[in-house]
Amino acid sequence: MLLPLLTLLFPLFKFMPAIYRWRMRSRIYRWYAELETIDSAMNREQSTENVTRHIGLLNTLEQNVCNISVPLSFSEELYQLRLHSNLLRENLGKMAENTTTSVSISGCVVGKQWGSTLLK
């Protein structure tokens, strides 16, 4: 009775590490779609109102990313997402400087900075 059960469960044990890796990475990579949407919209629409709206969307995205919990072995992908978010924030900051209205740009509010500099 035990041997047939183990025979049935063996393929499951073989695929568990791959499923686990996919699940952990999906926590991070699902935010890239939203980041890419903000980036492409930012390149299309460069008015003051749109820059402000994109900064608001990026702030919301970064607040959600601050709450992601991943094991240490997957933290590199999380930091890469934060770096890409910071790059987009810097581009939005440059666009905000080129517009006539000043725009407030903030980062993660849980005591973490996005990259080495935080635009204010």
PDB file of N, CA and C in Angstrom:
ATOM      1  N   MET A   1       0.824  -1.199   0.000  1.00  0.00           N
ATOM      2  CA  MET A   1       0.000   0.000   0.000  1.00  0.00           C
ATOM      3  C   MET A   1       0.867   1.261   0.000  1.00  0.00           C
ATOM      4  N   LEU A   2       1.928   1.256   0.762  1.00  0.00           N
ATOM      5  CA  LEU A   2       2.788   2.424   0.858  1.00  0.00           C
ATOM      6  C   LEU A   2       3.617   2.645  -0.406  1.00  0.00           C
ATOM      7  N   LEU A   3       4.073   1.580  -1.020  1.00  0.00           N
ATOM      8  CA  LEU A   3       4.891   1.692  -2.222  1.00  0.00           C
ATOM      9  C   LEU A   3       4.123   2.299  -3.401  1.00  0.00           C
ATOM     10  N   PRO A   4       2.899   1.894  -3.676  1.00  0.00           N
ATOM     11  CA  PRO A   4       2.164   2.550  -4.762  1.00  0.00           C
ATOM     12  C   PRO A   4       1.900   4.039  -4.487  1.00  0.00           C
ATOM     13  N   LEU A   5       1.656   4.369  -3.234  1.00  0.00           N
ATOM     14  CA  LEU A   5       1.440   5.772  -2.879  1.00  0.00           C
ATOM     15  C   LEU A   5       2.701   6.598  -3.113  1.00  0.00           C
ATOM     16  N   LEU A   6       3.850   6.067  -2.717  1.00  0.00           N
ATOM     17  CA  LEU A   6       5.119   6.749  -2.959  1.00  0.00           C
ATOM     18  C   LEU A   6       5.422   6.859  -4.448  1.00  0.00           C
ATOM     19  N   THR A   7       5.046   5.863  -5.196  1.00  0.00           N
ATOM     20  CA  THR A   7       5.238   5.887  -6.645  1.00  0.00           C
ATOM     21  C   THR A   7       4.418   7.006  -7.281  1.00  0.00           C
ATOM     22  N   LEU A   8       3.237   7.221  -6.771  1.00  0.00           N
ATOM     23  CA  LEU A   8       2.392   8.298  -7.289  1.00  0.00           C
ATOM     24  C   LEU A   8       2.888   9.682  -6.851  1.00  0.00           C
ATOM     25  N   LEU A   9       3.460   9.776  -5.662  1.00  0.00           N
ATOM     26  CA  LEU A   9       3.909  11.056  -5.144  1.00  0.00           C
ATOM     27  C   LEU A   9       5.301  11.472  -5.643  1.00  0.00           C
ATOM     28  N   PHE A  10       6.093  10.535  -6.137  1.00  0.00           N
ATOM     29  CA  PHE A  10       7.447  10.846  -6.570  1.00  0.00           C
ATOM     30  C   PHE A  10       7.503  11.955  -7.631  1.00  0.00           C
ATOM     31  N   PRO A  11       6.686  11.923  -8.678  1.00  0.00           N
ATOM     32  CA  PRO A  11       6.732  13.036  -9.654  1.00  0.00           C
ATOM     33  C   PRO A  11       6.376  14.388  -9.026  1.00  0.00           C
ATOM     34  N   LEU A  12       5.515  14.364  -8.046  1.00  0.00           N
ATOM     35  CA  LEU A  12       5.166  15.609  -7.360  1.00  0.00           C
ATOM     36  C   LEU A  12       6.388  16.195  -6.655  1.00  0.00           C
ATOM     37  N   PHE A  13       7.170  15.363  -5.990  1.00  0.00           N
ATOM     38  CA  PHE A  13       8.378  15.838  -5.320  1.00  0.00           C
ATOM     39  C   PHE A  13       9.410  16.336  -6.319  1.00  0.00           C
ATOM     40  N   LYS A  14       9.394  15.767  -7.501  1.00  0.00           N
ATOM     41  CA  LYS A  14      10.338  16.189  -8.540  1.00  0.00           C
ATOM     42  C   LYS A  14      10.014  17.593  -9.053  1.00  0.00           C
ATOM     43  N   PHE A  15       8.743  17.942  -9.146  1.00  0.00           N
ATOM     44  CA  PHE A  15       8.339  19.233  -9.689  1.00  0.00           C
ATOM     45  C   PHE A  15       8.171  20.325  -8.632  1.00  0.00           C
ATOM     46  N   MET A  16       8.205  19.984  -7.377  1.00  0.00           N
ATOM     47  CA  MET A  16       7.992  20.975  -6.312  1.00  0.00           C
ATOM     48  C   MET A  16       9.016  22.114  -6.325  1.00  0.00           C
ATOM     49  N   PRO A  17      10.318  21.881  -6.498  1.00  0.00           N
ATOM     50  CA  PRO A  17      11.250  23.017  -6.537  1.00  0.00           C
ATOM     51  C   PRO A  17      10.965  23.993  -7.679  1.00  0.00           C
ATOM     52  N   ALA A  18      10.604  23.461  -8.841  1.00  0.00           N
ATOM     53  CA  ALA A  18      10.289  24.336  -9.971  1.00  0.00           C
ATOM     54  C   ALA A  18       9.023  25.147  -9.700  1.00  0.00           C
ATOM     55  N   ILE A  19       8.041  24.530  -9.117  1.00  0.00           N
ATOM     56  CA  ILE A  19       6.796  25.232  -8.780  1.00  0.00           C
ATOM     57  C   ILE A  19       7.066  26.308  -7.726  1.00  0.00           C
ATOM     58  N   TYR A  20       7.891  25.983  -6.757  1.00  0.00           N
ATOM     59  CA  TYR A  20       8.244  26.952  -5.713  1.00  0.00           C
ATOM     60  C   TYR A  20       8.976  28.156  -6.312  1.00  0.00           C
ATOM     61  N   ARG A  21       9.968  27.914  -7.187  1.00  0.00           N
ATOM     62  CA  ARG A  21      10.687  29.019  -7.845  1.00  0.00           C
ATOM     63  C   ARG A  21       9.734  29.887  -8.654  1.00  0.00           C
ATOM     64  N   TRP A  22       8.841  29.247  -9.399  1.00  0.00           N
ATOM     65  CA  TRP A  22       7.894  29.995 -10.213  1.00  0.00           C
ATOM     66  C   TRP A  22       6.983  30.848  -9.325  1.00  0.00           C
ATOM     67  N   ARG A  23       6.541  30.310  -8.218  1.00  0.00           N
ATOM     68  CA  ARG A  23       5.639  31.036  -7.311  1.00  0.00           C
ATOM     69  C   ARG A  23       6.331  32.240  -6.686  1.00  0.00           C
ATOM     70  N   MET A  24       7.575  32.085  -6.258  1.00  0.00           N
ATOM     71  CA  MET A  24       8.306  33.192  -5.645  1.00  0.00           C
ATOM     72  C   MET A  24       8.611  34.288  -6.675  1.00  0.00           C
ATOM     73  N   ARG A  25       9.019  33.881  -7.862  1.00  0.00           N
ATOM     74  CA  ARG A  25       9.312  34.886  -8.897  1.00  0.00           C
ATOM     75  C   ARG A  25       8.052  35.584  -9.378  1.00  0.00           C
ATOM     76  N   SER A  26       6.929  34.886  -9.367  1.00  0.00           N
ATOM     77  CA  SER A  26       5.693  35.521  -9.818  1.00  0.00           C
ATOM     78  C   SER A  26       5.257  36.641  -8.873  1.00  0.00           C
ATOM     79  N   ARG A  27       5.664  36.566  -7.598  1.00  0.00           N
ATOM     80  CA  ARG A  27       5.370  37.656  -6.662  1.00  0.00           C
ATOM     81  C   ARG A  27       6.056  38.946  -7.087  1.00  0.00           C
ATOM     82  N   ILE A  28       7.207  38.817  -7.718  1.00  0.00           N
ATOM     83  CA  ILE A  28       7.989  39.984  -8.118  1.00  0.00           C
ATOM     84  C   ILE A  28       7.645  40.409  -9.536  1.00  0.00           C
ATOM     85  N   TYR A  29       7.641  39.444 -10.457  1.00  0.00           N
ATOM     86  CA  TYR A  29       7.521  39.785 -11.870  1.00  0.00           C
ATOM     87  C   TYR A  29       6.148  40.307 -12.261  1.00  0.00           C
ATOM     88  N   ARG A  30       5.137  40.063 -11.470  1.00  0.00           N
ATOM     89  CA  ARG A  30       3.823  40.603 -11.830  1.00  0.00           C
ATOM     90  C   ARG A  30       3.799  42.128 -11.753  1.00  0.00           C
ATOM     91  N   TRP A  31       4.709  42.716 -10.966  1.00  0.00           N
ATOM     92  CA  TRP A  31       4.766  44.174 -10.861  1.00  0.00           C
ATOM     93  C   TRP A  31       5.477  44.798 -12.055  1.00  0.00           C
ATOM     94  N   TYR A  32       6.265  44.014 -12.781  1.00  0.00           N
ATOM     95  CA  TYR A  32       6.937  44.545 -13.961  1.00  0.00           C
ATOM     96  C   TYR A  32       5.945  44.957 -15.043  1.00  0.00           C
ATOM     97  N   ALA A  33       4.836  44.254 -15.175  1.00  0.00           N
ATOM     98  CA  ALA A  33       3.825  44.627 -16.165  1.00  0.00           C
ATOM     99  C   ALA A  33       3.281  46.018 -15.854  1.00  0.00           C
ATOM    100  N   GLU A  34       3.013  46.279 -14.598  1.00  0.00           N
ATOM    101  CA  GLU A  34       2.515  47.599 -14.210  1.00  0.00           C
ATOM    102  C   GLU A  34       3.585  48.671 -14.403  1.00  0.00           C
ATOM    103  N   LEU A  35       4.832  48.342 -14.080  1.00  0.00           N
ATOM    104  CA  LEU A  35       5.937  49.276 -14.269  1.00  0.00           C
ATOM    105  C   LEU A  35       6.117  49.595 -15.753  1.00  0.00           C
ATOM    106  N   GLU A  36       5.994  48.590 -16.601  1.00  0.00           N
ATOM    107  CA  GLU A  36       6.113  48.806 -18.040  1.00  0.00           C
ATOM    108  C   GLU A  36       4.960  49.653 -18.572  1.00  0.00           C
ATOM    109  N   THR A  37       3.770  49.473 -18.027  1.00  0.00           N
ATOM    110  CA  THR A  37       2.621  50.292 -18.430  1.00  0.00           C
ATOM    111  C   THR A  37       2.864  51.757 -18.100  1.00  0.00           C
ATOM    112  N   ILE A  38       3.381  52.025 -16.912  1.00  0.00           N
ATOM    113  CA  ILE A  38       3.684  53.405 -16.517  1.00  0.00           C
ATOM    114  C   ILE A  38       4.760  53.982 -17.422  1.00  0.00           C
ATOM    115  N   ASP A  39       5.778  53.186 -17.735  1.00  0.00           N
ATOM    116  CA  ASP A  39       6.870  53.651 -18.570  1.00  0.00           C
ATOM    117  C   ASP A  39       6.399  53.995 -19.979  1.00  0.00           C
ATOM    118  N   SER A  40       5.622  53.121 -20.584  1.00  0.00           N
ATOM    119  CA  SER A  40       5.152  53.395 -21.940  1.00  0.00           C
ATOM    120  C   SER A  40       4.178  54.572 -21.965  1.00  0.00           C
ATOM    121  N   ALA A  41       3.324  54.697 -20.959  1.00  0.00           N
ATOM    122  CA  ALA A  41       2.403  55.835 -20.892  1.00  0.00           C
ATOM    123  C   ALA A  41       3.176  57.131 -20.660  1.00  0.00           C
ATOM    124  N   MET A  42       4.234  57.065 -19.879  1.00  0.00           N
ATOM    125  CA  MET A  42       5.059  58.243 -19.606  1.00  0.00           C
ATOM    126  C   MET A  42       5.707  58.740 -20.890  1.00  0.00           C
ATOM    127  N   ASN A  43       6.149  57.830 -21.738  1.00  0.00           N
ATOM    128  CA  ASN A  43       6.790  58.230 -22.985  1.00  0.00           C
ATOM    129  C   ASN A  43       5.798  58.782 -23.999  1.00  0.00           C
ATOM    130  N   ARG A  44       4.542  58.367 -23.910  1.00  0.00           N
ATOM    131  CA  ARG A  44       3.516  58.880 -24.822  1.00  0.00           C
ATOM    132  C   ARG A  44       2.960  60.219 -24.368  1.00  0.00           C
ATOM    133  N   GLU A  45       2.711  60.358 -23.074  1.00  0.00           N
ATOM    134  CA  GLU A  45       2.011  61.526 -22.538  1.00  0.00           C
ATOM    135  C   GLU A  45       2.955  62.285 -21.613  1.00  0.00           C
ATOM    136  N   GLN A  46       3.386  63.467 -22.024  1.00  0.00           N
ATOM    137  CA  GLN A  46       4.382  64.184 -21.242  1.00  0.00           C
ATOM    138  C   GLN A  46       3.881  65.532 -20.726  1.00  0.00           C
ATOM    139  N   SER A  47       2.584  65.698 -20.564  1.00  0.00           N
ATOM    140  CA  SER A  47       2.071  66.943 -20.010  1.00  0.00           C
ATOM    141  C   SER A  47       2.211  66.936 -18.488  1.00  0.00           C
ATOM    142  N   THR A  48       2.023  68.108 -17.874  1.00  0.00           N
ATOM    143  CA  THR A  48       2.172  68.239 -16.424  1.00  0.00           C
ATOM    144  C   THR A  48       1.206  67.338 -15.666  1.00  0.00           C
ATOM    145  N   GLU A  49      -0.050  67.289 -16.115  1.00  0.00           N
ATOM    146  CA  GLU A  49      -1.045  66.471 -15.419  1.00  0.00           C
ATOM    147  C   GLU A  49      -0.684  64.989 -15.516  1.00  0.00           C
ATOM    148  N   ASN A  50      -0.197  64.586 -16.688  1.00  0.00           N
ATOM    149  CA  ASN A  50       0.149  63.184 -16.865  1.00  0.00           C
ATOM    150  C   ASN A  50       1.386  62.797 -16.064  1.00  0.00           C
ATOM    151  N   VAL A  51       2.370  63.702 -15.967  1.00  0.00           N
ATOM    152  CA  VAL A  51       3.552  63.414 -15.153  1.00  0.00           C
ATOM    153  C   VAL A  51       3.132  63.236 -13.697  1.00  0.00           C
ATOM    154  N   THR A  52       2.257  64.097 -13.217  1.00  0.00           N
ATOM    155  CA  THR A  52       1.763  63.987 -11.846  1.00  0.00           C
ATOM    156  C   THR A  52       1.015  62.677 -11.637  1.00  0.00           C
ATOM    157  N   ARG A  53       0.198  62.300 -12.612  1.00  0.00           N
ATOM    158  CA  ARG A  53      -0.565  61.043 -12.518  1.00  0.00           C
ATOM    159  C   ARG A  53       0.390  59.844 -12.527  1.00  0.00           C
ATOM    160  N   HIS A  54       1.405  59.883 -13.383  1.00  0.00           N
ATOM    161  CA  HIS A  54       2.365  58.771 -13.452  1.00  0.00           C
ATOM    162  C   HIS A  54       3.166  58.650 -12.157  1.00  0.00           C
ATOM    163  N   ILE A  55       3.496  59.769 -11.557  1.00  0.00           N
ATOM    164  CA  ILE A  55       4.214  59.737 -10.277  1.00  0.00           C
ATOM    165  C   ILE A  55       3.317  59.123  -9.206  1.00  0.00           C
ATOM    166  N   GLY A  56       2.046  59.471  -9.229  1.00  0.00           N
ATOM    167  CA  GLY A  56       1.105  58.870  -8.280  1.00  0.00           C
ATOM    168  C   GLY A  56       0.985  57.367  -8.481  1.00  0.00           C
ATOM    169  N   LEU A  57       0.922  56.924  -9.740  1.00  0.00           N
ATOM    170  CA  LEU A  57       0.865  55.486 -10.017  1.00  0.00           C
ATOM    171  C   LEU A  57       2.140  54.787  -9.565  1.00  0.00           C
ATOM    172  N   LEU A  58       3.286  55.439  -9.790  1.00  0.00           N
ATOM    173  CA  LEU A  58       4.555  54.855  -9.368  1.00  0.00           C
ATOM    174  C   LEU A  58       4.653  54.791  -7.846  1.00  0.00           C
ATOM    175  N   ASN A  59       4.153  55.819  -7.169  1.00  0.00           N
ATOM    176  CA  ASN A  59       4.145  55.793  -5.700  1.00  0.00           C
ATOM    177  C   ASN A  59       3.306  54.629  -5.179  1.00  0.00           C
ATOM    178  N   THR A  60       2.144  54.414  -5.786  1.00  0.00           N
ATOM    179  CA  THR A  60       1.283  53.297  -5.393  1.00  0.00           C
ATOM    180  C   THR A  60       1.970  51.968  -5.646  1.00  0.00           C
ATOM    181  N   LEU A  61       2.601  51.843  -6.810  1.00  0.00           N
ATOM    182  CA  LEU A  61       3.316  50.614  -7.129  1.00  0.00           C
ATOM    183  C   LEU A  61       4.430  50.360  -6.126  1.00  0.00           C
ATOM    184  N   GLU A  62       5.189  51.392  -5.780  1.00  0.00           N
ATOM    185  CA  GLU A  62       6.292  51.227  -4.846  1.00  0.00           C
ATOM    186  C   GLU A  62       5.807  50.881  -3.443  1.00  0.00           C
ATOM    187  N   GLN A  63       4.684  51.417  -3.035  1.00  0.00           N
ATOM    188  CA  GLN A  63       4.134  51.051  -1.735  1.00  0.00           C
ATOM    189  C   GLN A  63       3.746  49.579  -1.714  1.00  0.00           C
ATOM    190  N   ASN A  64       3.190  49.087  -2.821  1.00  0.00           N
ATOM    191  CA  ASN A  64       2.841  47.670  -2.905  1.00  0.00           C
ATOM    192  C   ASN A  64       4.087  46.797  -2.927  1.00  0.00           C
ATOM    193  N   VAL A  65       5.127  47.242  -3.623  1.00  0.00           N
ATOM    194  CA  VAL A  65       6.377  46.482  -3.694  1.00  0.00           C
ATOM    195  C   VAL A  65       7.052  46.440  -2.326  1.00  0.00           C
ATOM    196  N   CYS A  66       6.898  47.484  -1.523  1.00  0.00           N
ATOM    197  CA  CYS A  66       7.480  47.491  -0.178  1.00  0.00           C
ATOM    198  C   CYS A  66       6.903  46.382   0.692  1.00  0.00           C
ATOM    199  N   ASN A  67       5.705  45.927   0.379  1.00  0.00           N
ATOM    200  CA  ASN A  67       5.047  44.909   1.188  1.00  0.00           C
ATOM    201  C   ASN A  67       5.287  43.488   0.697  1.00  0.00           C
ATOM    202  N   ILE A  68       6.091  43.336  -0.372  1.00  0.00           N
ATOM    203  CA  ILE A  68       6.381  42.004  -0.886  1.00  0.00           C
ATOM    204  C   ILE A  68       7.347  41.301   0.057  1.00  0.00           C
ATOM    205  N   SER A  69       7.025  40.085   0.388  1.00  0.00           N
ATOM    206  CA  SER A  69       7.896  39.272   1.239  1.00  0.00           C
ATOM    207  C   SER A  69       8.383  38.085   0.426  1.00  0.00           C
ATOM    208  N   VAL A  70       9.694  38.012   0.220  1.00  0.00           N
ATOM    209  CA  VAL A  70      10.276  36.889  -0.503  1.00  0.00           C
ATOM    210  C   VAL A  70      11.447  36.348   0.305  1.00  0.00           C
ATOM    211  N   PRO A  71      11.771  35.077   0.117  1.00  0.00           N
ATOM    212  CA  PRO A  71      12.943  34.518   0.791  1.00  0.00           C
ATOM    213  C   PRO A  71      14.227  35.209   0.315  1.00  0.00           C
ATOM    214  N   LEU A  72      15.255  35.097   1.099  1.00  0.00           N
ATOM    215  CA  LEU A  72      16.529  35.742   0.816  1.00  0.00           C
ATOM    216  C   LEU A  72      17.095  35.349  -0.540  1.00  0.00           C
ATOM    217  N   SER A  73      16.891  34.123  -0.953  1.00  0.00           N
ATOM    218  CA  SER A  73      17.443  33.673  -2.228  1.00  0.00           C
ATOM    219  C   SER A  73      16.792  34.355  -3.429  1.00  0.00           C
ATOM    220  N   PHE A  74      15.647  35.006  -3.244  1.00  0.00           N
ATOM    221  CA  PHE A  74      14.965  35.712  -4.327  1.00  0.00           C
ATOM    222  C   PHE A  74      15.032  37.230  -4.152  1.00  0.00           C
ATOM    223  N   SER A  75      15.816  37.695  -3.212  1.00  0.00           N
ATOM    224  CA  SER A  75      15.880  39.130  -2.964  1.00  0.00           C
ATOM    225  C   SER A  75      16.561  39.886  -4.101  1.00  0.00           C
ATOM    226  N   GLU A  76      17.419  39.220  -4.871  1.00  0.00           N
ATOM    227  CA  GLU A  76      18.069  39.891  -5.999  1.00  0.00           C
ATOM    228  C   GLU A  76      17.042  40.379  -7.014  1.00  0.00           C
ATOM    229  N   GLU A  77      16.052  39.551  -7.329  1.00  0.00           N
ATOM    230  CA  GLU A  77      15.007  39.961  -8.264  1.00  0.00           C
ATOM    231  C   GLU A  77      14.190  41.115  -7.708  1.00  0.00           C
ATOM    232  N   LEU A  78      13.962  41.104  -6.395  1.00  0.00           N
ATOM    233  CA  LEU A  78      13.216  42.202  -5.773  1.00  0.00           C
ATOM    234  C   LEU A  78      14.007  43.501  -5.843  1.00  0.00           C
ATOM    235  N   TYR A  79      15.310  43.432  -5.594  1.00  0.00           N
ATOM    236  CA  TYR A  79      16.134  44.641  -5.688  1.00  0.00           C
ATOM    237  C   TYR A  79      16.251  45.130  -7.127  1.00  0.00           C
ATOM    238  N   GLN A  80      16.250  44.223  -8.082  1.00  0.00           N
ATOM    239  CA  GLN A  80      16.253  44.632  -9.485  1.00  0.00           C
ATOM    240  C   GLN A  80      14.966  45.394  -9.819  1.00  0.00           C
ATOM    241  N   LEU A  81      13.849  44.929  -9.306  1.00  0.00           N
ATOM    242  CA  LEU A  81      12.589  45.644  -9.515  1.00  0.00           C
ATOM    243  C   LEU A  81      12.661  47.035  -8.904  1.00  0.00           C
ATOM    244  N   ARG A  82      13.235  47.132  -7.714  1.00  0.00           N
ATOM    245  CA  ARG A  82      13.370  48.439  -7.074  1.00  0.00           C
ATOM    246  C   ARG A  82      14.297  49.361  -7.859  1.00  0.00           C
ATOM    247  N   LEU A  83      15.370  48.812  -8.412  1.00  0.00           N
ATOM    248  CA  LEU A  83      16.270  49.624  -9.238  1.00  0.00           C
ATOM    249  C   LEU A  83      15.571  50.128 -10.503  1.00  0.00           C
ATOM    250  N   HIS A  84      14.787  49.265 -11.117  1.00  0.00           N
ATOM    251  CA  HIS A  84      14.054  49.686 -12.303  1.00  0.00           C
ATOM    252  C   HIS A  84      13.002  50.729 -11.954  1.00  0.00           C
ATOM    253  N   SER A  85      12.389  50.567 -10.811  1.00  0.00           N
ATOM    254  CA  SER A  85      11.428  51.558 -10.345  1.00  0.00           C
ATOM    255  C   SER A  85      12.119  52.896 -10.090  1.00  0.00           C
ATOM    256  N   ASN A  86      13.307  52.848  -9.520  1.00  0.00           N
ATOM    257  CA  ASN A  86      14.070  54.063  -9.258  1.00  0.00           C
ATOM    258  C   ASN A  86      14.480  54.744 -10.564  1.00  0.00           C
ATOM    259  N   LEU A  87      14.848  53.954 -11.569  1.00  0.00           N
ATOM    260  CA  LEU A  87      15.197  54.520 -12.871  1.00  0.00           C
ATOM    261  C   LEU A  87      14.001  55.244 -13.478  1.00  0.00           C
ATOM    262  N   LEU A  88      12.840  54.642 -13.388  1.00  0.00           N
ATOM    263  CA  LEU A  88      11.625  55.285 -13.896  1.00  0.00           C
ATOM    264  C   LEU A  88      11.314  56.548 -13.101  1.00  0.00           C
ATOM    265  N   ARG A  89      11.535  56.509 -11.785  1.00  0.00           N
ATOM    266  CA  ARG A  89      11.309  57.683 -10.943  1.00  0.00           C
ATOM    267  C   ARG A  89      12.248  58.821 -11.351  1.00  0.00           C
ATOM    268  N   GLU A  90      13.502  58.500 -11.638  1.00  0.00           N
ATOM    269  CA  GLU A  90      14.449  59.528 -12.073  1.00  0.00           C
ATOM    270  C   GLU A  90      14.022  60.139 -13.396  1.00  0.00           C
ATOM    271  N   ASN A  91      13.539  59.306 -14.317  1.00  0.00           N
ATOM    272  CA  ASN A  91      13.047  59.825 -15.594  1.00  0.00           C
ATOM    273  C   ASN A  91      11.828  60.713 -15.386  1.00  0.00           C
ATOM    274  N   LEU A  92      10.941  60.312 -14.493  1.00  0.00           N
ATOM    275  CA  LEU A  92       9.780  61.156 -14.192  1.00  0.00           C
ATOM    276  C   LEU A  92      10.219  62.455 -13.526  1.00  0.00           C
ATOM    277  N   GLY A  93      11.254  62.398 -12.693  1.00  0.00           N
ATOM    278  CA  GLY A  93      11.775  63.612 -12.066  1.00  0.00           C
ATOM    279  C   GLY A  93      12.330  64.575 -13.105  1.00  0.00           C
ATOM    280  N   LYS A  94      13.012  64.037 -14.094  1.00  0.00           N
ATOM    281  CA  LYS A  94      13.527  64.887 -15.175  1.00  0.00           C
ATOM    282  C   LYS A  94      12.389  65.502 -15.969  1.00  0.00           C
ATOM    283  N   MET A  95      11.349  64.725 -16.206  1.00  0.00           N
ATOM    284  CA  MET A  95      10.186  65.255 -16.916  1.00  0.00           C
ATOM    285  C   MET A  95       9.492  66.317 -16.079  1.00  0.00           C
ATOM    286  N   ALA A  96       9.431  66.106 -14.766  1.00  0.00           N
ATOM    287  CA  ALA A  96       8.788  67.073 -13.880  1.00  0.00           C
ATOM    288  C   ALA A  96       9.576  68.377 -13.866  1.00  0.00           C
ATOM    289  N   GLU A  97      10.899  68.300 -13.953  1.00  0.00           N
ATOM    290  CA  GLU A  97      11.718  69.516 -14.003  1.00  0.00           C
ATOM    291  C   GLU A  97      11.464  70.296 -15.284  1.00  0.00           C
ATOM    292  N   ASN A  98      11.134  69.600 -16.359  1.00  0.00           N
ATOM    293  CA  ASN A  98      10.890  70.252 -17.636  1.00  0.00           C
ATOM    294  C   ASN A  98       9.490  70.853 -17.735  1.00  0.00           C
ATOM    295  N   THR A  99       8.595  70.490 -16.819  1.00  0.00           N
ATOM    296  CA  THR A  99       7.251  71.063 -16.833  1.00  0.00           C
ATOM    297  C   THR A  99       7.228  72.322 -15.981  1.00  0.00           C
ATOM    298  N   THR A 100       6.170  73.089 -16.077  1.00  0.00           N
ATOM    299  CA  THR A 100       6.096  74.364 -15.369  1.00  0.00           C
ATOM    300  C   THR A 100       5.702  74.211 -13.916  1.00  0.00           C
ATOM    301  N   THR A 101       4.994  73.141 -13.562  1.00  0.00           N
ATOM    302  CA  THR A 101       4.528  72.932 -12.192  1.00  0.00           C
ATOM    303  C   THR A 101       5.490  72.019 -11.461  1.00  0.00           C
ATOM    304  N   SER A 102       5.775  72.336 -10.200  1.00  0.00           N
ATOM    305  CA  SER A 102       6.625  71.444  -9.424  1.00  0.00           C
ATOM    306  C   SER A 102       5.798  70.267  -8.938  1.00  0.00           C
ATOM    307  N   VAL A 103       6.406  69.100  -8.912  1.00  0.00           N
ATOM    308  CA  VAL A 103       5.721  67.872  -8.565  1.00  0.00           C
ATOM    309  C   VAL A 103       6.464  67.224  -7.418  1.00  0.00           C
ATOM    310  N   SER A 104       5.726  66.703  -6.442  1.00  0.00           N
ATOM    311  CA  SER A 104       6.335  66.017  -5.309  1.00  0.00           C
ATOM    312  C   SER A 104       6.591  64.567  -5.679  1.00  0.00           C
ATOM    313  N   ILE A 105       7.851  64.138  -5.524  1.00  0.00           N
ATOM    314  CA  ILE A 105       8.227  62.774  -5.831  1.00  0.00           C
ATOM    315  C   ILE A 105       8.721  62.137  -4.546  1.00  0.00           C
ATOM    316  N   SER A 106       8.096  61.023  -4.157  1.00  0.00           N
ATOM    317  CA  SER A 106       8.523  60.346  -2.928  1.00  0.00           C
ATOM    318  C   SER A 106       8.813  58.900  -3.238  1.00  0.00           C
ATOM    319  N   GLY A 107       9.426  58.220  -2.277  1.00  0.00           N
ATOM    320  CA  GLY A 107       9.757  56.803  -2.448  1.00  0.00           C
ATOM    321  C   GLY A 107       8.964  55.967  -1.478  1.00  0.00           C
ATOM    322  N   CYS A 108       9.512  54.856  -1.111  1.00  0.00           N
ATOM    323  CA  CYS A 108       8.874  53.941  -0.186  1.00  0.00           C
ATOM    324  C   CYS A 108       8.838  54.562   1.208  1.00  0.00           C
ATOM    325  N   VAL A 109       7.703  54.492   1.874  1.00  0.00           N
ATOM    326  CA  VAL A 109       7.528  55.198   3.128  1.00  0.00           C
ATOM    327  C   VAL A 109       7.788  54.307   4.347  1.00  0.00           C
ATOM    328  N   VAL A 110       8.304  53.129   4.161  1.00  0.00           N
ATOM    329  CA  VAL A 110       8.548  52.262   5.294  1.00  0.00           C
ATOM    330  C   VAL A 110      10.006  52.261   5.713  1.00  0.00           C
ATOM    331  N   GLY A 111      10.677  53.367   5.557  1.00  0.00           N
ATOM    332  CA  GLY A 111      12.044  53.490   6.016  1.00  0.00           C
ATOM    333  C   GLY A 111      13.068  52.967   5.044  1.00  0.00           C
ATOM    334  N   LYS A 112      12.666  52.716   3.826  1.00  0.00           N
ATOM    335  CA  LYS A 112      13.593  52.235   2.815  1.00  0.00           C
ATOM    336  C   LYS A 112      13.738  53.293   1.733  1.00  0.00           C
ATOM    337  N   GLN A 113      14.915  53.380   1.153  1.00  0.00           N
ATOM    338  CA  GLN A 113      15.126  54.275   0.031  1.00  0.00           C
ATOM    339  C   GLN A 113      15.202  53.457  -1.235  1.00  0.00           C
ATOM    340  N   TRP A 114      14.806  54.059  -2.329  1.00  0.00           N
ATOM    341  CA  TRP A 114      14.851  53.393  -3.625  1.00  0.00           C
ATOM    342  C   TRP A 114      16.150  53.783  -4.293  1.00  0.00           C
ATOM    343  N   GLY A 115      17.120  52.925  -4.268  1.00  0.00           N
ATOM    344  CA  GLY A 115      18.409  53.206  -4.881  1.00  0.00           C
ATOM    345  C   GLY A 115      19.259  54.041  -3.966  1.00  0.00           C
ATOM    346  N   SER A 116      20.311  54.627  -4.515  1.00  0.00           N
ATOM    347  CA  SER A 116      21.243  55.374  -3.693  1.00  0.00           C
ATOM    348  C   SER A 116      20.778  56.795  -3.425  1.00  0.00           C
ATOM    349  N   THR A 117      19.907  57.338  -4.276  1.00  0.00           N
ATOM    350  CA  THR A 117      19.417  58.691  -4.057  1.00  0.00           C
ATOM    351  C   THR A 117      17.902  58.664  -4.066  1.00  0.00           C
ATOM    352  N   LEU A 118      17.335  59.563  -3.348  1.00  0.00           N
ATOM    353  CA  LEU A 118      15.886  59.687  -3.279  1.00  0.00           C
ATOM    354  C   LEU A 118      15.536  61.086  -3.727  1.00  0.00           C
ATOM    355  N   LEU A 119      14.780  61.187  -4.802  1.00  0.00           N
ATOM    356  CA  LEU A 119      14.380  62.495  -5.305  1.00  0.00           C
ATOM    357  C   LEU A 119      13.347  63.112  -4.397  1.00  0.00           C
ATOM    358  N   LYS A 120      13.469  64.383  -4.123  1.00  0.00           N
ATOM    359  CA  LYS A 120      12.510  65.074  -3.253  1.00  0.00           C
ATOM    360  C   LYS A 120      11.871  66.210  -3.969  1.00  0.00           C
TER     361      LYS A 120
END
